[in-house]
Amino acid sequence: MTSATRTPDQQLAVDLATDAGRLLVELRSSGPTGRTLGDIGDRRANELLLERLADARPGDAVLSEESKDDLSRVDADRVWIIDPVDGTREYGLGDRPDWAVHVALWERDGNPASSRLTAAAVGLPALGVVCGVDDDEIYAAPVGNGGVDGGGLLPPRVGSRPRIVLSASRPPAFARAVAGAVDGDLVPLGSAGAKAAAVVRGEADAYIHAGGQYQWDSAAPAGVALARGFVAVRIDGSPLEYNVAETYLPDLVVCRADLADAILGAIADADRA
């Protein structure tokens, strides 16, 4: 899919993630660090995304991590779900590439069971790329000062064992069972968006998480992964549901389709043990 065949909403998602990422990289090189930088980045990127959406899609609702939730969105037909800085801690550290910008669009089609994410982009500003819904493209995104500009989220592979990315601070209790089921290695990485992007980009093979996420954490990563043919579901195998009143959406599996049965089976077995 090229820019000529991308839908206007898909192009907007990519453009928003690109521009918010450029702003964040420039802020990152301007002096503040740590929590102060994270707070400034969250606020400024949220302002940019809200202003751009209000201008480009004035009739659409928005659910953002950094804004008060207006529950009238539940009745809306089009809802943008955004996370201006996913992985704020990693962003504030100044030299980590594993943070992201999330932009996704959920649309109602008259059937609640088939209402779905129709556009999505995960920006990796420190690497200068944005992962969109295209099957085999990653878009160059100018990073300005302070970006890594290329490279990867993980070191090059050694051997052929599957890599399973997960939170370093909150690894799932079933992580070792999953690794054993696929004869894989557990690799910690920051940011939900970065972990899902590592799978989409082929740097990892699965991402597992349980506890502590919300709709904005997984909407864009899931939208990109699903559009590219990967599996993105909850840990019990049920679909991820968006634009429901409860924003808490605590668990997630993103993986290659050929690993899904083994991963979900290992999780179910661990839960029964």
Protein backbone atom coordinates (compact mmCIF):
# COMPACT_ATOMS: atom_id res chain seq x y z
CA MET A 1 0.00 0.00 0.00
CA THR A 2 1.42 3.35 -1.03
CA SER A 3 0.41 6.85 0.00
CA ALA A 4 -1.74 6.94 -3.13
CA THR A 5 -3.81 3.94 -2.01
CA ARG A 6 -3.90 4.65 1.73
CA THR A 7 -7.31 5.83 2.90
CA PRO A 8 -7.52 9.43 4.14
CA ASP A 9 -7.94 8.18 7.72
CA GLN A 10 -4.94 5.88 7.43
CA GLN A 11 -2.85 8.71 6.03
CA LEU A 12 -4.00 11.01 8.81
CA ALA A 13 -2.99 8.46 11.46
CA VAL A 14 0.50 8.20 9.96
CA ASP A 15 0.83 11.98 9.65
CA LEU A 16 -0.28 12.57 13.24
CA ALA A 17 2.12 9.98 14.65
CA THR A 18 4.92 11.45 12.54
CA ASP A 19 4.32 15.04 13.61
CA ALA A 20 3.83 14.24 17.29
CA GLY A 21 7.00 12.16 17.17
CA ARG A 22 8.98 15.01 15.65
CA LEU A 23 7.79 17.32 18.41
CA LEU A 24 8.71 14.82 21.11
CA VAL A 25 12.21 14.26 19.76
CA GLU A 26 12.80 18.00 19.60
CA LEU A 27 11.60 18.37 23.21
CA ARG A 28 13.86 15.50 24.24
CA SER A 29 16.92 17.37 23.02
CA SER A 30 15.91 20.74 24.51
CA GLY A 31 17.07 20.28 28.10
CA PRO A 32 14.49 18.71 30.45
CA THR A 33 14.96 15.09 31.49
CA GLY A 34 13.24 12.40 33.51
CA ARG A 35 9.74 12.92 34.82
CA THR A 36 9.75 16.62 33.90
CA LEU A 37 10.42 15.75 30.26
CA GLY A 38 7.77 13.04 30.35
CA ASP A 39 5.15 15.43 31.72
CA ILE A 40 5.99 18.10 29.14
CA GLY A 41 6.01 15.58 26.31
CA ASP A 42 2.66 14.08 27.33
CA ARG A 43 1.05 17.52 27.47
CA ARG A 44 2.53 18.98 24.30
CA ALA A 45 1.99 15.90 22.15
CA ASN A 46 -1.59 15.60 23.40
CA GLU A 47 -2.25 19.23 22.52
CA LEU A 48 -0.86 18.71 19.02
CA LEU A 49 -2.93 15.59 18.39
CA LEU A 50 -6.16 17.09 19.74
CA GLU A 51 -5.72 20.29 17.73
CA ARG A 52 -4.98 18.42 14.52
CA LEU A 53 -7.93 16.05 14.99
CA ALA A 54 -10.30 18.92 15.78
CA ASP A 55 -9.22 20.58 12.55
CA ALA A 56 -9.14 17.50 10.31
CA ARG A 57 -12.04 15.48 11.78
CA PRO A 58 -14.20 17.92 13.76
CA GLY A 59 -17.14 15.51 14.02
CA ASP A 60 -15.15 12.64 15.51
CA ALA A 61 -14.79 11.80 19.20
CA VAL A 62 -11.42 11.29 20.89
CA LEU A 63 -10.29 9.07 23.75
CA SER A 64 -6.85 10.10 24.98
CA GLU A 65 -4.78 8.96 27.92
CA GLU A 66 -4.00 12.59 28.68
CA SER A 67 -7.53 14.02 28.57
CA LYS A 68 -10.66 13.61 30.67
CA ASP A 69 -12.81 10.86 29.23
CA ASP A 70 -16.04 12.16 27.71
CA LEU A 71 -18.33 9.13 27.81
CA SER A 72 -20.49 10.53 25.03
CA ARG A 73 -17.86 8.85 22.84
CA VAL A 74 -19.54 5.49 23.55
CA ASP A 75 -22.42 6.54 21.29
CA ALA A 76 -20.18 8.01 18.59
CA ASP A 77 -19.63 6.24 15.28
CA ARG A 78 -16.00 7.32 14.95
CA VAL A 79 -13.55 7.56 17.86
CA TRP A 80 -9.84 8.30 17.70
CA ILE A 81 -7.95 6.49 20.46
CA ILE A 82 -4.58 8.09 21.17
CA ASP A 83 -1.64 7.78 23.52
CA PRO A 84 0.59 10.83 22.99
CA VAL A 85 3.60 9.17 24.66
CA ASP A 86 3.47 5.45 25.28
CA GLY A 87 6.41 4.59 27.50
CA THR A 88 6.79 7.94 29.24
CA ARG A 89 9.48 6.60 31.57
CA GLU A 90 11.64 5.39 28.67
CA TYR A 91 11.06 8.67 26.85
CA GLY A 92 12.25 10.63 29.87
CA LEU A 93 15.48 8.65 30.13
CA GLY A 94 16.76 10.35 27.00
CA ASP A 95 18.67 7.50 25.36
CA ARG A 96 16.04 4.77 24.98
CA PRO A 97 14.33 4.05 21.64
CA ASP A 98 11.51 1.94 23.13
CA TRP A 99 8.75 4.53 23.44
CA ALA A 100 6.00 5.33 20.99
CA VAL A 101 3.13 7.50 19.78
CA HIS A 102 -0.22 5.76 19.28
CA VAL A 103 -2.96 6.92 16.92
CA ALA A 104 -5.92 4.69 16.05
CA LEU A 105 -9.44 5.11 14.70
CA TRP A 106 -12.34 2.92 15.84
CA GLU A 107 -15.48 2.90 13.69
CA ARG A 108 -18.98 1.57 14.30
CA ASP A 109 -20.55 -0.21 11.35
CA GLY A 110 -23.98 -0.95 12.81
CA ASN A 111 -23.01 -4.33 14.23
CA PRO A 112 -21.26 -4.10 17.63
CA ALA A 113 -19.56 -7.43 17.00
CA SER A 114 -17.85 -6.13 13.86
CA SER A 115 -17.18 -2.53 14.82
CA ARG A 116 -13.42 -2.26 14.59
CA LEU A 117 -10.19 -0.35 14.29
CA THR A 118 -9.98 0.99 10.74
CA ALA A 119 -6.82 3.10 10.87
CA ALA A 120 -3.77 2.88 13.06
CA ALA A 121 -0.19 4.07 13.35
CA VAL A 122 2.53 3.44 15.92
CA GLY A 123 5.30 6.00 15.77
CA LEU A 124 8.79 5.08 16.95
CA PRO A 125 10.20 8.60 16.91
CA ALA A 126 13.65 7.76 18.27
CA LEU A 127 14.13 5.40 15.31
CA GLY A 128 12.62 7.76 12.76
CA VAL A 129 9.88 5.38 11.63
CA VAL A 130 6.12 5.00 11.84
CA CYS A 131 4.50 1.58 11.56
CA GLY A 132 1.21 1.87 9.69
CA VAL A 133 -1.32 -0.67 8.48
CA ASP A 134 0.59 -1.39 5.26
CA ASP A 135 1.70 -4.99 4.92
CA ASP A 136 5.34 -4.38 4.09
CA GLU A 137 6.20 -0.74 4.56
CA ILE A 138 7.57 1.37 7.36
CA TYR A 139 7.41 5.08 6.73
CA ALA A 140 10.38 7.36 7.23
CA ALA A 141 9.58 9.99 9.84
CA PRO A 142 11.93 12.96 10.27
CA VAL A 143 13.24 12.89 13.82
CA GLY A 144 15.05 16.23 14.08
CA ASN A 145 17.66 16.52 16.82
CA GLY A 146 18.14 13.74 19.34
CA GLY A 147 16.70 10.83 17.37
CA VAL A 148 18.49 7.53 16.91
CA ASP A 149 17.61 7.69 13.18
CA GLY A 150 17.33 4.10 12.05
CA GLY A 151 18.44 0.95 13.81
CA GLY A 152 16.21 -1.35 15.78
CA LEU A 153 14.45 -1.79 19.07
CA LEU A 154 16.42 -4.94 19.89
CA PRO A 155 19.94 -6.19 19.18
CA PRO A 156 20.29 -8.44 16.12
CA ARG A 157 19.14 -12.01 16.62
CA VAL A 158 21.55 -14.77 17.53
CA GLY A 159 20.11 -18.10 16.44
CA SER A 160 16.54 -18.86 15.44
CA ARG A 161 14.72 -19.20 18.76
CA PRO A 162 11.52 -17.13 18.95
CA ARG A 163 11.77 -13.90 20.90
CA ILE A 164 8.94 -13.01 23.27
CA VAL A 165 8.94 -9.40 24.41
CA LEU A 166 7.38 -8.43 27.72
CA SER A 167 7.46 -5.81 30.44
CA ALA A 168 10.61 -5.75 32.56
CA SER A 169 8.75 -4.39 35.58
CA ARG A 170 5.50 -6.38 35.26
CA PRO A 171 6.22 -9.69 33.50
CA PRO A 172 3.18 -12.00 33.34
CA ALA A 173 3.14 -14.93 35.74
CA PHE A 174 2.76 -17.24 32.74
CA ALA A 175 5.78 -15.86 30.86
CA ARG A 176 8.06 -18.84 31.44
CA ALA A 177 5.31 -21.27 30.47
CA VAL A 178 4.85 -19.42 27.17
CA ALA A 179 8.59 -19.40 26.50
CA GLY A 180 8.73 -23.15 27.14
CA ALA A 181 5.78 -23.84 24.84
CA VAL A 182 7.46 -22.20 21.85
CA ASP A 183 11.08 -22.89 22.88
CA GLY A 184 11.65 -19.16 22.96
CA ASP A 185 13.53 -16.49 24.86
CA LEU A 186 11.98 -13.78 27.05
CA VAL A 187 13.22 -10.28 26.20
CA PRO A 188 12.25 -7.21 28.27
CA LEU A 189 11.35 -4.04 26.36
CA GLY A 190 9.62 -0.79 27.26
CA SER A 191 6.34 0.60 25.87
CA ALA A 192 3.43 -1.46 24.60
CA GLY A 193 3.75 0.20 21.22
CA ALA A 194 7.45 -0.59 20.97
CA LYS A 195 6.86 -4.23 21.92
CA ALA A 196 4.09 -4.69 19.36
CA ALA A 197 6.18 -2.87 16.76
CA ALA A 198 9.08 -5.24 17.46
CA VAL A 199 6.78 -8.11 16.47
CA VAL A 200 5.45 -6.32 13.39
CA ARG A 201 8.98 -5.39 12.28
CA GLY A 202 10.24 -8.96 12.72
CA GLU A 203 12.59 -8.19 15.60
CA ALA A 204 10.46 -10.33 17.93
CA ASP A 205 7.85 -13.04 17.42
CA ALA A 206 5.37 -12.43 20.24
CA TYR A 207 4.40 -9.87 22.86
CA ILE A 208 2.58 -10.97 26.01
CA HIS A 209 1.13 -8.79 28.75
CA ALA A 210 -1.23 -9.17 31.70
CA GLY A 211 -2.40 -6.33 33.91
CA GLY A 212 -2.18 -2.56 33.90
CA GLN A 213 -3.15 -1.46 30.39
CA TYR A 214 -5.95 0.65 28.97
CA GLN A 215 -7.60 1.03 25.58
CA TRP A 216 -5.07 3.66 24.46
CA ASP A 217 -2.17 1.34 25.25
CA SER A 218 -3.20 -1.34 22.77
CA ALA A 219 -5.56 0.21 20.19
CA ALA A 220 -2.94 1.44 17.72
CA PRO A 221 -0.56 -1.51 18.23
CA ALA A 222 -3.43 -3.98 17.76
CA GLY A 223 -4.74 -2.09 14.73
CA VAL A 224 -1.36 -2.21 13.02
CA ALA A 225 -0.75 -5.85 13.93
CA LEU A 226 -4.18 -7.07 12.80
CA ALA A 227 -3.96 -5.20 9.50
CA ARG A 228 -0.62 -6.88 8.80
CA GLY A 229 -1.88 -10.39 9.47
CA PHE A 230 -0.65 -10.88 13.03
CA VAL A 231 -2.79 -12.12 15.89
CA ALA A 232 -3.85 -9.52 18.48
CA VAL A 233 -6.20 -10.79 21.18
CA ARG A 234 -6.71 -10.92 24.92
CA ILE A 235 -4.89 -13.63 26.86
CA ASP A 236 -8.01 -15.85 26.87
CA GLY A 237 -8.18 -15.60 23.08
CA SER A 238 -11.18 -13.27 23.04
CA PRO A 239 -11.24 -10.16 20.82
CA LEU A 240 -9.99 -6.80 22.02
CA GLU A 241 -12.96 -4.45 22.38
CA TYR A 242 -12.62 -0.71 22.01
CA ASN A 243 -14.82 2.31 22.63
CA VAL A 244 -16.60 0.67 25.54
CA ALA A 245 -17.23 2.70 28.69
CA GLU A 246 -14.58 0.89 30.75
CA THR A 247 -11.18 2.03 29.51
CA TYR A 248 -9.27 -0.64 31.45
CA LEU A 249 -8.15 -3.36 29.03
CA PRO A 250 -5.47 -5.13 31.02
CA ASP A 251 -4.06 -7.95 28.90
CA LEU A 252 -2.79 -8.52 25.41
CA VAL A 253 -1.12 -11.03 23.10
CA VAL A 254 0.37 -9.94 19.79
CA CYS A 255 2.14 -12.68 17.87
CA ARG A 256 2.83 -14.44 14.62
CA ALA A 257 -0.23 -16.42 13.56
CA ASP A 258 1.66 -19.73 13.62
CA LEU A 259 2.54 -19.26 17.31
CA ALA A 260 -0.91 -18.24 18.52
CA ASP A 261 -2.27 -21.67 19.45
CA ALA A 262 0.83 -22.65 21.41
CA ILE A 263 0.99 -19.31 23.25
CA LEU A 264 -2.69 -19.16 24.13
CA GLY A 265 -2.67 -22.83 25.12
CA ALA A 266 0.29 -22.30 27.45
CA ILE A 267 -1.45 -19.34 29.06
CA ALA A 268 -4.65 -21.35 29.58
CA ASP A 269 -2.69 -24.26 31.07
CA ALA A 270 -0.83 -21.92 33.43
CA ASP A 271 -4.09 -20.37 34.57
CA ARG A 272 -5.50 -23.83 35.38
CA ALA A 273 -2.41 -24.93 37.27
